Amino acid sequence: MIEITVKIPSQLSQPLQEIAEKRFDGNVTAVMQAALESYLFSKQTEREQLKQLVQEIRTEVAARGGIDETDLNRRIREYRKAAYPRK
């Protein structure tokens, strides 16, 4: 285990202390640990959801006969033009 010192802006210190008192018997370290674990779990969940979505798309594309590289590149270019128009 490592020890870390964190400076917290004054506008966050009161809510942090309130959470610590209400939920963690005043243990601010436990609050920070729970917050980090929650953040890491949400990131893992997002990655898993993305993997599942990609697999579903691959399955659907394969079921429809696939897509050739030329068509894929054309669609990527079209998407980029629509998503990131030049000014």
Protein backbone atom coordinates (compact mmCIF):
# COMPACT_ATOMS: atom_id res chain seq x y z
CA MET A 1 0.00 0.00 0.00
CA ILE A 2 1.19 3.55 -0.71
CA GLU A 3 0.38 6.74 1.12
CA ILE A 4 -0.83 9.72 -0.90
CA THR A 5 -1.48 13.28 0.23
CA VAL A 6 -4.27 15.06 -1.63
CA LYS A 7 -5.08 18.76 -1.54
CA ILE A 8 -8.81 19.31 -1.96
CA PRO A 9 -10.36 22.66 -2.91
CA SER A 10 -12.29 24.25 -0.07
CA GLN A 11 -15.63 23.99 -1.92
CA LEU A 12 -15.21 20.18 -1.96
CA SER A 13 -13.84 19.64 1.52
CA GLN A 14 -17.15 20.17 3.33
CA PRO A 15 -19.15 17.73 1.16
CA LEU A 16 -16.31 15.22 1.43
CA GLN A 17 -16.30 15.50 5.21
CA GLU A 18 -20.10 15.13 5.31
CA ILE A 19 -19.95 11.96 3.23
CA ALA A 20 -17.19 10.62 5.44
CA GLU A 21 -19.21 11.30 8.59
CA LYS A 22 -22.52 9.93 7.26
CA ARG A 23 -21.30 6.84 5.43
CA PHE A 24 -17.75 5.99 6.49
CA ASP A 25 -17.53 6.70 10.24
CA GLY A 26 -15.50 9.84 9.51
CA ASN A 27 -12.87 7.97 7.48
CA VAL A 28 -11.99 10.25 4.54
CA THR A 29 -9.51 7.67 3.23
CA ALA A 30 -12.35 5.15 2.90
CA VAL A 31 -14.39 7.73 0.97
CA MET A 32 -11.54 8.31 -1.48
CA GLN A 33 -10.94 4.58 -1.87
CA ALA A 34 -14.64 3.93 -2.54
CA ALA A 35 -14.73 6.76 -5.10
CA LEU A 36 -11.69 5.38 -6.93
CA GLU A 37 -13.06 1.84 -6.92
CA SER A 38 -16.38 3.11 -8.27
CA TYR A 39 -14.63 5.07 -11.03
CA LEU A 40 -12.50 2.09 -12.05
CA PHE A 41 -15.55 -0.19 -12.05
CA SER A 42 -17.48 2.22 -14.29
CA LYS A 43 -14.55 2.37 -16.73
CA GLN A 44 -14.38 -1.43 -16.83
CA THR A 45 -18.13 -1.57 -17.42
CA GLU A 46 -17.83 0.92 -20.30
CA ARG A 47 -15.10 -1.19 -21.92
CA GLU A 48 -17.17 -4.34 -21.58
CA GLN A 49 -20.22 -2.61 -23.08
CA LEU A 50 -18.12 -1.37 -26.00
CA LYS A 51 -16.71 -4.86 -26.62
CA GLN A 52 -20.24 -6.28 -26.59
CA LEU A 53 -21.48 -3.61 -29.01
CA VAL A 54 -18.57 -4.22 -31.39
CA GLN A 55 -19.26 -7.96 -31.34
CA GLU A 56 -22.95 -7.38 -32.06
CA ILE A 57 -22.05 -5.14 -35.01
CA ARG A 58 -19.58 -7.71 -36.35
CA THR A 59 -22.20 -10.44 -36.10
CA GLU A 60 -24.79 -8.31 -37.91
CA VAL A 61 -22.35 -7.33 -40.67
CA ALA A 62 -21.33 -10.97 -41.16
CA ALA A 63 -24.99 -12.03 -41.30
CA ARG A 64 -25.61 -9.51 -44.06
CA GLY A 65 -22.73 -10.81 -46.15
CA GLY A 66 -19.86 -8.74 -44.82
CA ILE A 67 -18.41 -5.48 -46.03
CA ASP A 68 -15.47 -4.99 -48.35
CA GLU A 69 -12.51 -2.75 -47.51
CA THR A 70 -13.32 -0.15 -50.18
CA ASP A 71 -16.86 0.31 -48.90
CA LEU A 72 -15.64 0.44 -45.31
CA ASN A 73 -13.08 3.14 -46.11
CA ARG A 74 -15.70 5.17 -48.00
CA ARG A 75 -18.10 5.00 -45.07
CA ILE A 76 -15.36 6.03 -42.63
CA ARG A 77 -14.54 9.07 -44.79
CA GLU A 78 -18.23 10.01 -44.98
CA TYR A 79 -18.59 9.69 -41.23
CA ARG A 80 -15.53 11.82 -40.56
CA LYS A 81 -16.75 14.54 -42.93
CA ALA A 82 -20.14 14.59 -41.21
CA ALA A 83 -18.79 14.36 -37.66
CA TYR A 84 -15.88 16.77 -38.09
CA PRO A 85 -16.78 19.31 -40.79
CA ARG A 86 -14.01 21.64 -41.87
CA LYS A 87 -14.58 25.29 -41.15
